């Protein structure tokens, strides 16, 4: 009888420019690791990270609570969370914890759930950090690769990314506000011009075509967003310079990673990725902001780790 399971889940980037709340991509920049252990009763959270340990306010805690209730499991669970993904920087930190928890819980109790069900349970945990349930990051983190999230009913489409797709991510050293996702969602315009909607839709469709045809150039060149990015860019010091520098250095497309403040540049493996990363650092430096840069590629989804 299994009494303990450990799973790890990758960081992710959501939106990819025009695909707000619909597109997600798992990236191998960072990972969260979650260990679930059966205990007598209750839900107990152990972590060294600066995150809530009240199960009602923790993404992993909510996932366990919801899965216990759904499958009528009385067994207590201890949740040990090791955070490798910086929280609040647009890299799907809370989603990765939720994804790893859902996958570990499934294994611990031999539920054998399908991908959509795992995404749905992981998404329910996002309420703890974002205030609402949304699936773009968790779908990427659970399933890996590029995902398209259809809702009502939930149906996630996964597409294997091109093998030569690469990303350079710049994570600025700035203080992010509490409930940052909620704040950044608050600046999005309630009304948009039809012409802007059409432009974003054409770019989003081109991104999907790019992933289906394994065309990294088409993907990168279509990472253009005229609705959400302009509304959020003021929250990221030096964003326009970071973007301009990355494009000049050879990036195909640049946008805000998720709700930010990280900025992600898309390129092919043949590009000078170090040059792009340095150019992004200089862009942040122009706004007196330091940053950490990571060169990464698409990742597989959440997996159970063998002992």
C-alpha atoms as a PDB file:
ATOM      1  CA  UNK A   1       0.000   0.000   0.000  1.00  0.00           C
ATOM      2  CA  UNK A   2       1.479   3.366  -1.039  1.00  0.00           C
ATOM      3  CA  UNK A   3       1.763   5.820   1.861  1.00  0.00           C
ATOM      4  CA  UNK A   4       3.863   8.585   0.278  1.00  0.00           C
ATOM      5  CA  UNK A   5       4.165  10.030  -3.250  1.00  0.00           C
ATOM      6  CA  UNK A   6       6.381  12.816  -4.613  1.00  0.00           C
ATOM      7  CA  UNK A   7       5.605  14.670  -7.849  1.00  0.00           C
ATOM      8  CA  UNK A   8       7.302  17.577  -9.592  1.00  0.00           C
ATOM      9  CA  UNK A   9       5.750  20.045 -12.002  1.00  0.00           C
ATOM     10  CA  UNK A  10       7.332  22.624 -14.333  1.00  0.00           C
ATOM     11  CA  UNK A  11       6.966  26.378 -14.495  1.00  0.00           C
ATOM     12  CA  UNK A  12       4.770  27.715 -17.280  1.00  0.00           C
ATOM     13  CA  UNK A  13       4.054  30.826 -19.256  1.00  0.00           C
ATOM     14  CA  UNK A  14       0.436  31.765 -19.987  1.00  0.00           C
ATOM     15  CA  UNK A  15      -1.213  33.866 -22.709  1.00  0.00           C
ATOM     16  CA  UNK A  16       1.759  33.883 -25.150  1.00  0.00           C
ATOM     17  CA  UNK A  17       0.636  37.370 -26.121  1.00  0.00           C
ATOM     18  CA  UNK A  18      -2.805  37.207 -27.772  1.00  0.00           C
ATOM     19  CA  UNK A  19      -4.036  33.976 -26.129  1.00  0.00           C
ATOM     20  CA  UNK A  20      -5.209  35.515 -22.848  1.00  0.00           C
ATOM     21  CA  UNK A  21      -6.549  32.830 -20.444  1.00  0.00           C
ATOM     22  CA  UNK A  22      -6.500  30.285 -23.298  1.00  0.00           C
ATOM     23  CA  UNK A  23      -2.843  29.474 -24.143  1.00  0.00           C
ATOM     24  CA  UNK A  24      -0.217  27.970 -21.860  1.00  0.00           C
ATOM     25  CA  UNK A  25       3.268  26.563 -22.387  1.00  0.00           C
ATOM     26  CA  UNK A  26       5.243  24.428 -19.934  1.00  0.00           C
ATOM     27  CA  UNK A  27       8.881  25.576 -19.679  1.00  0.00           C
ATOM     28  CA  UNK A  28      11.852  23.894 -18.015  1.00  0.00           C
ATOM     29  CA  UNK A  29      13.093  27.053 -16.272  1.00  0.00           C
ATOM     30  CA  UNK A  30      11.983  26.046 -12.751  1.00  0.00           C
ATOM     31  CA  UNK A  31      10.167  23.201 -10.952  1.00  0.00           C
ATOM     32  CA  UNK A  32       8.061  22.771  -7.804  1.00  0.00           C
ATOM     33  CA  UNK A  33       8.143  19.484  -5.902  1.00  0.00           C
ATOM     34  CA  UNK A  34       5.277  18.258  -3.715  1.00  0.00           C
ATOM     35  CA  UNK A  35       5.287  15.199  -1.426  1.00  0.00           C
ATOM     36  CA  UNK A  36       1.971  13.858  -0.142  1.00  0.00           C
ATOM     37  CA  UNK A  37       2.043  11.543   2.882  1.00  0.00           C
ATOM     38  CA  UNK A  38      -0.928   9.755   4.419  1.00  0.00           C
ATOM     39  CA  UNK A  39      -1.543  10.767   8.051  1.00  0.00           C
ATOM     40  CA  UNK A  40      -4.340  10.018  10.532  1.00  0.00           C
ATOM     41  CA  UNK A  41      -6.572  12.987   9.773  1.00  0.00           C
ATOM     42  CA  UNK A  42      -6.769  16.565   8.530  1.00  0.00           C
ATOM     43  CA  UNK A  43      -4.631  18.441   5.979  1.00  0.00           C
ATOM     44  CA  UNK A  44      -1.216  19.648   7.142  1.00  0.00           C
ATOM     45  CA  UNK A  45       1.132  21.808   5.052  1.00  0.00           C
ATOM     46  CA  UNK A  46       4.913  21.856   5.574  1.00  0.00           C
ATOM     47  CA  UNK A  47       7.136  24.236   3.603  1.00  0.00           C
ATOM     48  CA  UNK A  48      10.227  26.435   3.916  1.00  0.00           C
ATOM     49  CA  UNK A  49       8.759  28.888   1.406  1.00  0.00           C
ATOM     50  CA  UNK A  50       6.999  32.130   2.246  1.00  0.00           C
ATOM     51  CA  UNK A  51       3.536  30.849   1.296  1.00  0.00           C
ATOM     52  CA  UNK A  52       0.332  30.306   3.326  1.00  0.00           C
ATOM     53  CA  UNK A  53       0.200  27.066   5.339  1.00  0.00           C
ATOM     54  CA  UNK A  54      -3.555  27.322   5.897  1.00  0.00           C
ATOM     55  CA  UNK A  55      -4.984  24.722   3.451  1.00  0.00           C
ATOM     56  CA  UNK A  56      -7.850  27.104   2.538  1.00  0.00           C
ATOM     57  CA  UNK A  57      -5.334  29.731   1.374  1.00  0.00           C
ATOM     58  CA  UNK A  58      -2.800  27.431  -0.274  1.00  0.00           C
ATOM     59  CA  UNK A  59      -3.217  26.114  -3.826  1.00  0.00           C
ATOM     60  CA  UNK A  60      -1.972  22.627  -2.940  1.00  0.00           C
ATOM     61  CA  UNK A  61      -4.149  22.579   0.183  1.00  0.00           C
ATOM     62  CA  UNK A  62      -7.272  23.429  -1.817  1.00  0.00           C
ATOM     63  CA  UNK A  63      -6.503  20.733  -4.387  1.00  0.00           C
ATOM     64  CA  UNK A  64      -6.192  18.093  -1.648  1.00  0.00           C
ATOM     65  CA  UNK A  65      -9.367  19.333   0.062  1.00  0.00           C
ATOM     66  CA  UNK A  66     -11.359  19.199  -3.193  1.00  0.00           C
ATOM     67  CA  UNK A  67     -10.031  15.787  -4.236  1.00  0.00           C
ATOM     68  CA  UNK A  68     -10.656  14.298  -0.770  1.00  0.00           C
ATOM     69  CA  UNK A  69     -14.229  15.570  -0.874  1.00  0.00           C
ATOM     70  CA  UNK A  70     -14.908  14.423  -4.450  1.00  0.00           C
ATOM     71  CA  UNK A  71     -13.625  10.880  -3.856  1.00  0.00           C
ATOM     72  CA  UNK A  72     -14.941  10.653  -0.268  1.00  0.00           C
ATOM     73  CA  UNK A  73     -11.468  10.024   1.162  1.00  0.00           C
ATOM     74  CA  UNK A  74     -11.332  10.308   4.951  1.00  0.00           C
ATOM     75  CA  UNK A  75      -7.543   9.763   5.137  1.00  0.00           C
ATOM     76  CA  UNK A  76      -5.501  12.736   6.403  1.00  0.00           C
ATOM     77  CA  UNK A  77      -2.790  14.185   4.144  1.00  0.00           C
ATOM     78  CA  UNK A  78       0.488  15.938   4.918  1.00  0.00           C
ATOM     79  CA  UNK A  79       1.628  18.193   2.054  1.00  0.00           C
ATOM     80  CA  UNK A  80       5.339  19.011   1.849  1.00  0.00           C
ATOM     81  CA  UNK A  81       5.995  21.760  -0.713  1.00  0.00           C
ATOM     82  CA  UNK A  82       9.456  22.602  -2.078  1.00  0.00           C
ATOM     83  CA  UNK A  83       9.218  25.796  -4.135  1.00  0.00           C
ATOM     84  CA  UNK A  84      11.642  26.095  -7.023  1.00  0.00           C
ATOM     85  CA  UNK A  85       9.504  28.590  -8.968  1.00  0.00           C
ATOM     86  CA  UNK A  86       9.605  32.235  -7.805  1.00  0.00           C
ATOM     87  CA  UNK A  87       6.128  33.202  -6.583  1.00  0.00           C
ATOM     88  CA  UNK A  88       4.344  36.170  -8.161  1.00  0.00           C
ATOM     89  CA  UNK A  89       6.558  36.586 -11.242  1.00  0.00           C
ATOM     90  CA  UNK A  90       4.345  35.224 -14.041  1.00  0.00           C
ATOM     91  CA  UNK A  91       5.948  31.768 -14.154  1.00  0.00           C
ATOM     92  CA  UNK A  92       2.955  29.737 -12.926  1.00  0.00           C
ATOM     93  CA  UNK A  93       4.305  29.204  -9.410  1.00  0.00           C
ATOM     94  CA  UNK A  94       0.990  28.466  -7.682  1.00  0.00           C
ATOM     95  CA  UNK A  95      -0.137  26.412 -10.695  1.00  0.00           C
ATOM     96  CA  UNK A  96       2.911  24.135 -10.502  1.00  0.00           C
ATOM     97  CA  UNK A  97       2.258  23.352  -6.826  1.00  0.00           C
ATOM     98  CA  UNK A  98      -1.380  22.609  -7.686  1.00  0.00           C
ATOM     99  CA  UNK A  99      -0.401  20.466 -10.695  1.00  0.00           C
ATOM    100  CA  UNK A 100       2.157  18.418  -8.742  1.00  0.00           C
ATOM    101  CA  UNK A 101      -0.397  17.937  -5.931  1.00  0.00           C
ATOM    102  CA  UNK A 102      -3.151  16.693  -8.264  1.00  0.00           C
ATOM    103  CA  UNK A 103      -0.773  14.231  -9.966  1.00  0.00           C
ATOM    104  CA  UNK A 104       0.619  13.002  -6.623  1.00  0.00           C
ATOM    105  CA  UNK A 105      -2.880  12.592  -5.101  1.00  0.00           C
ATOM    106  CA  UNK A 106      -4.006  10.624  -8.150  1.00  0.00           C
ATOM    107  CA  UNK A 107      -1.049   8.238  -7.721  1.00  0.00           C
ATOM    108  CA  UNK A 108      -1.362   8.030  -3.912  1.00  0.00           C
ATOM    109  CA  UNK A 109      -4.944   6.772  -4.088  1.00  0.00           C
ATOM    110  CA  UNK A 110      -4.722   4.928  -7.440  1.00  0.00           C
ATOM    111  CA  UNK A 111      -7.457   7.047  -9.039  1.00  0.00           C
ATOM    112  CA  UNK A 112      -6.079   6.837 -12.618  1.00  0.00           C
ATOM    113  CA  UNK A 113      -7.700  10.124 -13.650  1.00  0.00           C
ATOM    114  CA  UNK A 114      -7.462  11.452 -17.201  1.00  0.00           C
ATOM    115  CA  UNK A 115      -5.611  14.647 -18.086  1.00  0.00           C
ATOM    116  CA  UNK A 116      -8.726  16.852 -18.172  1.00  0.00           C
ATOM    117  CA  UNK A 117      -9.765  15.731 -14.676  1.00  0.00           C
ATOM    118  CA  UNK A 118      -6.283  16.380 -13.281  1.00  0.00           C
ATOM    119  CA  UNK A 119      -6.298  19.868 -14.847  1.00  0.00           C
ATOM    120  CA  UNK A 120      -9.749  20.561 -13.393  1.00  0.00           C
ATOM    121  CA  UNK A 121      -8.652  19.637  -9.846  1.00  0.00           C
ATOM    122  CA  UNK A 122      -5.376  21.552 -10.176  1.00  0.00           C
ATOM    123  CA  UNK A 123      -7.299  24.577 -11.499  1.00  0.00           C
ATOM    124  CA  UNK A 124      -9.549  24.551  -8.439  1.00  0.00           C
ATOM    125  CA  UNK A 125      -6.466  25.298  -6.338  1.00  0.00           C
ATOM    126  CA  UNK A 126      -5.740  28.504  -8.272  1.00  0.00           C
ATOM    127  CA  UNK A 127      -8.598  30.161  -6.394  1.00  0.00           C
ATOM    128  CA  UNK A 128      -6.259  30.429  -3.383  1.00  0.00           C
ATOM    129  CA  UNK A 129      -3.780  32.682  -5.202  1.00  0.00           C
ATOM    130  CA  UNK A 130      -5.664  34.292  -8.089  1.00  0.00           C
ATOM    131  CA  UNK A 131      -9.098  34.630  -6.488  1.00  0.00           C
ATOM    132  CA  UNK A 132     -10.655  32.827  -9.469  1.00  0.00           C
ATOM    133  CA  UNK A 133     -10.361  29.402 -11.046  1.00  0.00           C
ATOM    134  CA  UNK A 134      -8.393  29.481 -14.313  1.00  0.00           C
ATOM    135  CA  UNK A 135      -6.663  26.735 -16.211  1.00  0.00           C
ATOM    136  CA  UNK A 136      -3.996  28.060 -18.602  1.00  0.00           C
ATOM    137  CA  UNK A 137      -0.979  27.622 -16.290  1.00  0.00           C
ATOM    138  CA  UNK A 138      -2.188  24.451 -14.565  1.00  0.00           C
ATOM    139  CA  UNK A 139      -3.038  22.786 -17.890  1.00  0.00           C
ATOM    140  CA  UNK A 140       0.498  23.431 -19.168  1.00  0.00           C
ATOM    141  CA  UNK A 141       2.024  22.310 -15.874  1.00  0.00           C
ATOM    142  CA  UNK A 142      -0.022  19.089 -15.682  1.00  0.00           C
ATOM    143  CA  UNK A 143       0.163  18.055 -19.347  1.00  0.00           C
ATOM    144  CA  UNK A 144       3.366  19.709 -20.578  1.00  0.00           C
ATOM    145  CA  UNK A 145       3.955  21.243 -23.994  1.00  0.00           C
ATOM    146  CA  UNK A 146       1.607  23.838 -25.525  1.00  0.00           C
ATOM    147  CA  UNK A 147      -2.020  23.822 -24.394  1.00  0.00           C
ATOM    148  CA  UNK A 148      -5.246  25.430 -25.568  1.00  0.00           C
ATOM    149  CA  UNK A 149      -7.910  25.649 -22.868  1.00  0.00           C
ATOM    150  CA  UNK A 150     -11.547  25.303 -23.930  1.00  0.00           C
ATOM    151  CA  UNK A 151     -14.068  25.917 -21.162  1.00  0.00           C
ATOM    152  CA  UNK A 152     -17.770  25.077 -20.553  1.00  0.00           C
ATOM    153  CA  UNK A 153     -17.112  22.167 -20.481  1.00  0.00           C
ATOM    154  CA  UNK A 154     -13.380  22.058 -19.807  1.00  0.00           C
ATOM    155  CA  UNK A 155     -11.478  20.451 -22.670  1.00  0.00           C
ATOM    156  CA  UNK A 156      -7.728  20.925 -22.950  1.00  0.00           C
ATOM    157  CA  UNK A 157      -6.002  20.456 -26.298  1.00  0.00           C
ATOM    158  CA  UNK A 158      -2.287  19.662 -26.069  1.00  0.00           C
ATOM    159  CA  UNK A 159       0.154  20.148 -28.949  1.00  0.00           C
ATOM    160  CA  UNK A 160       3.804  19.035 -28.913  1.00  0.00           C
ATOM    161  CA  UNK A 161       6.038  22.114 -29.458  1.00  0.00           C
ATOM    162  CA  UNK A 162       8.735  22.345 -32.151  1.00  0.00           C
ATOM    163  CA  UNK A 163      12.016  20.803 -30.980  1.00  0.00           C
ATOM    164  CA  UNK A 164      13.955  23.968 -31.846  1.00  0.00           C
ATOM    165  CA  UNK A 165      11.741  26.424 -29.919  1.00  0.00           C
ATOM    166  CA  UNK A 166      13.635  28.292 -27.202  1.00  0.00           C
ATOM    167  CA  UNK A 167      12.710  31.015 -24.715  1.00  0.00           C
ATOM    168  CA  UNK A 168      14.735  33.623 -22.859  1.00  0.00           C
ATOM    169  CA  UNK A 169      13.014  34.749 -19.677  1.00  0.00           C
ATOM    170  CA  UNK A 170      14.015  37.859 -17.742  1.00  0.00           C
ATOM    171  CA  UNK A 171      12.784  37.885 -14.146  1.00  0.00           C
ATOM    172  CA  UNK A 172      13.159  41.425 -12.717  1.00  0.00           C
ATOM    173  CA  UNK A 173      14.214  41.965  -9.112  1.00  0.00           C
ATOM    174  CA  UNK A 174      11.237  44.061  -8.046  1.00  0.00           C
ATOM    175  CA  UNK A 175       8.709  43.888  -5.262  1.00  0.00           C
ATOM    176  CA  UNK A 176       5.444  42.451  -6.511  1.00  0.00           C
ATOM    177  CA  UNK A 177       2.188  43.508  -4.839  1.00  0.00           C
ATOM    178  CA  UNK A 178       0.222  41.028  -2.761  1.00  0.00           C
ATOM    179  CA  UNK A 179      -2.529  39.367  -4.801  1.00  0.00           C
ATOM    180  CA  UNK A 180      -0.565  40.487  -7.880  1.00  0.00           C
ATOM    181  CA  UNK A 181      -2.621  38.396 -10.309  1.00  0.00           C
ATOM    182  CA  UNK A 182      -5.803  40.059  -9.075  1.00  0.00           C
ATOM    183  CA  UNK A 183      -4.179  43.513  -9.412  1.00  0.00           C
ATOM    184  CA  UNK A 184      -2.896  42.803 -12.928  1.00  0.00           C
ATOM    185  CA  UNK A 185      -6.278  41.459 -14.026  1.00  0.00           C
ATOM    186  CA  UNK A 186      -7.855  44.665 -12.723  1.00  0.00           C
ATOM    187  CA  UNK A 187      -6.084  46.858 -15.325  1.00  0.00           C
ATOM    188  CA  UNK A 188      -7.371  44.911 -18.347  1.00  0.00           C
ATOM    189  CA  UNK A 189      -9.850  46.967 -20.396  1.00  0.00           C
ATOM    190  CA  UNK A 190     -13.513  45.963 -20.109  1.00  0.00           C
ATOM    191  CA  UNK A 191     -14.292  47.135 -23.646  1.00  0.00           C
ATOM    192  CA  UNK A 192     -12.059  46.592 -26.686  1.00  0.00           C
ATOM    193  CA  UNK A 193     -12.105  47.768 -30.287  1.00  0.00           C
ATOM    194  CA  UNK A 194     -13.279  45.257 -32.873  1.00  0.00           C
ATOM    195  CA  UNK A 195     -10.112  45.899 -34.916  1.00  0.00           C
ATOM    196  CA  UNK A 196      -7.957  45.005 -31.876  1.00  0.00           C
ATOM    197  CA  UNK A 197      -9.962  41.829 -31.316  1.00  0.00           C
ATOM    198  CA  UNK A 198      -9.490  40.821 -34.945  1.00  0.00           C
ATOM    199  CA  UNK A 199      -5.736  41.463 -34.802  1.00  0.00           C
ATOM    200  CA  UNK A 200      -5.309  39.428 -31.614  1.00  0.00           C
ATOM    201  CA  UNK A 201      -7.469  36.622 -33.008  1.00  0.00           C
ATOM    202  CA  UNK A 202      -5.420  36.425 -36.216  1.00  0.00           C
ATOM    203  CA  UNK A 203      -2.175  36.270 -34.209  1.00  0.00           C
ATOM    204  CA  UNK A 204      -3.596  33.656 -31.824  1.00  0.00           C
ATOM    205  CA  UNK A 205      -4.699  31.487 -34.778  1.00  0.00           C
ATOM    206  CA  UNK A 206      -1.222  31.841 -36.293  1.00  0.00           C
ATOM    207  CA  UNK A 207       0.397  30.685 -33.029  1.00  0.00           C
ATOM    208  CA  UNK A 208      -1.744  27.522 -33.071  1.00  0.00           C
ATOM    209  CA  UNK A 209      -0.792  26.937 -36.742  1.00  0.00           C
ATOM    210  CA  UNK A 210       2.855  27.451 -35.769  1.00  0.00           C
ATOM    211  CA  UNK A 211       2.702  24.785 -33.055  1.00  0.00           C
ATOM    212  CA  UNK A 212       0.811  22.356 -35.295  1.00  0.00           C
ATOM    213  CA  UNK A 213       3.288  22.816 -38.146  1.00  0.00           C
ATOM    214  CA  UNK A 214       6.321  22.827 -35.785  1.00  0.00           C
ATOM    215  CA  UNK A 215       7.215  26.291 -37.105  1.00  0.00           C
ATOM    216  CA  UNK A 216       9.041  28.258 -34.390  1.00  0.00           C
ATOM    217  CA  UNK A 217       9.379  31.284 -36.638  1.00  0.00           C
ATOM    218  CA  UNK A 218       5.618  31.541 -37.179  1.00  0.00           C
ATOM    219  CA  UNK A 219       5.023  31.144 -33.431  1.00  0.00           C
ATOM    220  CA  UNK A 220       7.514  33.857 -32.494  1.00  0.00           C
ATOM    221  CA  UNK A 221       6.399  36.287 -35.187  1.00  0.00           C
ATOM    222  CA  UNK A 222       2.769  35.915 -34.032  1.00  0.00           C
ATOM    223  CA  UNK A 223       3.472  36.734 -30.361  1.00  0.00           C
ATOM    224  CA  UNK A 224       1.791  40.132 -30.679  1.00  0.00           C
ATOM    225  CA  UNK A 225      -0.869  41.405 -28.275  1.00  0.00           C
ATOM    226  CA  UNK A 226      -2.619  44.764 -28.699  1.00  0.00           C
ATOM    227  CA  UNK A 227      -5.108  44.355 -25.819  1.00  0.00           C
ATOM    228  CA  UNK A 228      -3.655  43.034 -22.547  1.00  0.00           C
ATOM    229  CA  UNK A 229       0.056  43.834 -22.945  1.00  0.00           C
ATOM    230  CA  UNK A 230      -0.458  47.600 -23.494  1.00  0.00           C
ATOM    231  CA  UNK A 231      -2.684  47.724 -20.389  1.00  0.00           C
ATOM    232  CA  UNK A 232      -0.121  45.958 -18.200  1.00  0.00           C
ATOM    233  CA  UNK A 233       3.232  47.198 -19.465  1.00  0.00           C
ATOM    234  CA  UNK A 234       3.317  50.192 -17.080  1.00  0.00           C
ATOM    235  CA  UNK A 235       3.626  47.680 -14.201  1.00  0.00           C
ATOM    236  CA  UNK A 236       7.008  46.479 -15.513  1.00  0.00           C
ATOM    237  CA  UNK A 237       9.898  49.000 -15.330  1.00  0.00           C
ATOM    238  CA  UNK A 238      11.692  49.321 -18.680  1.00  0.00           C
ATOM    239  CA  UNK A 239       9.380  46.875 -20.476  1.00  0.00           C
ATOM    240  CA  UNK A 240       9.444  48.610 -23.870  1.00  0.00           C
ATOM    241  CA  UNK A 241      13.259  48.796 -23.809  1.00  0.00           C
ATOM    242  CA  UNK A 242      13.524  45.130 -22.779  1.00  0.00           C
ATOM    243  CA  UNK A 243      11.281  44.180 -25.698  1.00  0.00           C
ATOM    244  CA  UNK A 244      13.059  46.418 -28.220  1.00  0.00           C
ATOM    245  CA  UNK A 245      16.504  45.139 -27.150  1.00  0.00           C
ATOM    246  CA  UNK A 246      15.468  41.481 -27.372  1.00  0.00           C
ATOM    247  CA  UNK A 247      14.031  41.913 -30.896  1.00  0.00           C
ATOM    248  CA  UNK A 248      17.203  43.710 -32.031  1.00  0.00           C
ATOM    249  CA  UNK A 249      19.286  40.853 -30.586  1.00  0.00           C
ATOM    250  CA  UNK A 250      17.390  38.292 -32.656  1.00  0.00           C
ATOM    251  CA  UNK A 251      14.257  37.341 -30.695  1.00  0.00           C
ATOM    252  CA  UNK A 252      11.272  36.515 -32.908  1.00  0.00           C
ATOM    253  CA  UNK A 253       8.662  37.778 -30.457  1.00  0.00           C
ATOM    254  CA  UNK A 254       8.535  39.212 -26.930  1.00  0.00           C
ATOM    255  CA  UNK A 255       5.706  39.585 -24.437  1.00  0.00           C
ATOM    256  CA  UNK A 256       4.818  39.604 -20.740  1.00  0.00           C
ATOM    257  CA  UNK A 257       4.958  36.134 -19.205  1.00  0.00           C
ATOM    258  CA  UNK A 258       1.505  35.507 -17.744  1.00  0.00           C
ATOM    259  CA  UNK A 259       0.555  38.390 -15.472  1.00  0.00           C
ATOM    260  CA  UNK A 260       4.208  39.475 -15.281  1.00  0.00           C
ATOM    261  CA  UNK A 261       6.513  41.059 -14.290  1.00  0.00           C
ATOM    262  CA  UNK A 262       8.739  38.495 -16.049  1.00  0.00           C
ATOM    263  CA  UNK A 263       9.273  39.122 -19.753  1.00  0.00           C
ATOM    264  CA  UNK A 264       9.622  36.220 -22.189  1.00  0.00           C
ATOM    265  CA  UNK A 265      11.330  36.249 -25.589  1.00  0.00           C
ATOM    266  CA  UNK A 266      10.767  33.496 -28.153  1.00  0.00           C
ATOM    267  CA  UNK A 267      13.531  32.356 -30.486  1.00  0.00           C
ATOM    268  CA  UNK A 268      14.952  29.362 -32.335  1.00  0.00           C
ATOM    269  CA  UNK A 269      17.775  27.274 -30.891  1.00  0.00           C
ATOM    270  CA  UNK A 270      20.009  28.585 -33.704  1.00  0.00           C
ATOM    271  CA  UNK A 271      19.688  32.170 -32.384  1.00  0.00           C
ATOM    272  CA  UNK A 272      22.293  33.749 -30.105  1.00  0.00           C
ATOM    273  CA  UNK A 273      20.282  33.133 -26.923  1.00  0.00           C
ATOM    274  CA  UNK A 274      22.940  34.577 -24.616  1.00  0.00           C
ATOM    275  CA  UNK A 275      22.935  37.771 -26.655  1.00  0.00           C
ATOM    276  CA  UNK A 276      19.122  38.010 -26.360  1.00  0.00           C
ATOM    277  CA  UNK A 277      19.307  37.430 -22.590  1.00  0.00           C
ATOM    278  CA  UNK A 278      22.003  40.095 -22.152  1.00  0.00           C
ATOM    279  CA  UNK A 279      19.976  42.533 -24.241  1.00  0.00           C
ATOM    280  CA  UNK A 280      16.958  41.983 -21.979  1.00  0.00           C
ATOM    281  CA  UNK A 281      19.134  42.560 -18.888  1.00  0.00           C
ATOM    282  CA  UNK A 282      20.334  45.850 -20.377  1.00  0.00           C
ATOM    283  CA  UNK A 283      16.724  46.832 -21.028  1.00  0.00           C
ATOM    284  CA  UNK A 284      15.865  46.376 -17.353  1.00  0.00           C
ATOM    285  CA  UNK A 285      19.103  48.120 -16.359  1.00  0.00           C
ATOM    286  CA  UNK A 286      17.945  51.187 -18.330  1.00  0.00           C
ATOM    287  CA  UNK A 287      15.131  51.420 -15.747  1.00  0.00           C
ATOM    288  CA  UNK A 288      17.585  50.837 -12.859  1.00  0.00           C
ATOM    289  CA  UNK A 289      16.267  47.308 -12.355  1.00  0.00           C
ATOM    290  CA  UNK A 290      18.282  44.137 -12.009  1.00  0.00           C
ATOM    291  CA  UNK A 291      17.019  40.837 -13.401  1.00  0.00           C
ATOM    292  CA  UNK A 292      17.770  37.143 -13.565  1.00  0.00           C
ATOM    293  CA  UNK A 293      17.744  35.623 -17.056  1.00  0.00           C
ATOM    294  CA  UNK A 294      17.040  32.001 -17.927  1.00  0.00           C
ATOM    295  CA  UNK A 295      17.381  30.281 -21.289  1.00  0.00           C
ATOM    296  CA  UNK A 296      14.859  27.443 -21.483  1.00  0.00           C
ATOM    297  CA  UNK A 297      12.823  25.178 -23.732  1.00  0.00           C
ATOM    298  CA  UNK A 298       9.352  23.620 -23.588  1.00  0.00           C
ATOM    299  CA  UNK A 299       8.945  21.058 -20.818  1.00  0.00           C
ATOM    300  CA  UNK A 300       7.116  17.802 -20.257  1.00  0.00           C
ATOM    301  CA  UNK A 301       4.308  17.947 -17.693  1.00  0.00           C
ATOM    302  CA  UNK A 302       4.052  16.958 -14.044  1.00  0.00           C
ATOM    303  CA  UNK A 303       5.509  13.564 -13.160  1.00  0.00           C
ATOM    304  CA  UNK A 304       5.694  11.309 -10.134  1.00  0.00           C
ATOM    305  CA  UNK A 305       9.259  10.929  -8.966  1.00  0.00           C
ATOM    306  CA  UNK A 306      10.550   7.470  -8.233  1.00  0.00           C
ATOM    307  CA  UNK A 307      12.039   6.877  -4.808  1.00  0.00           C
END
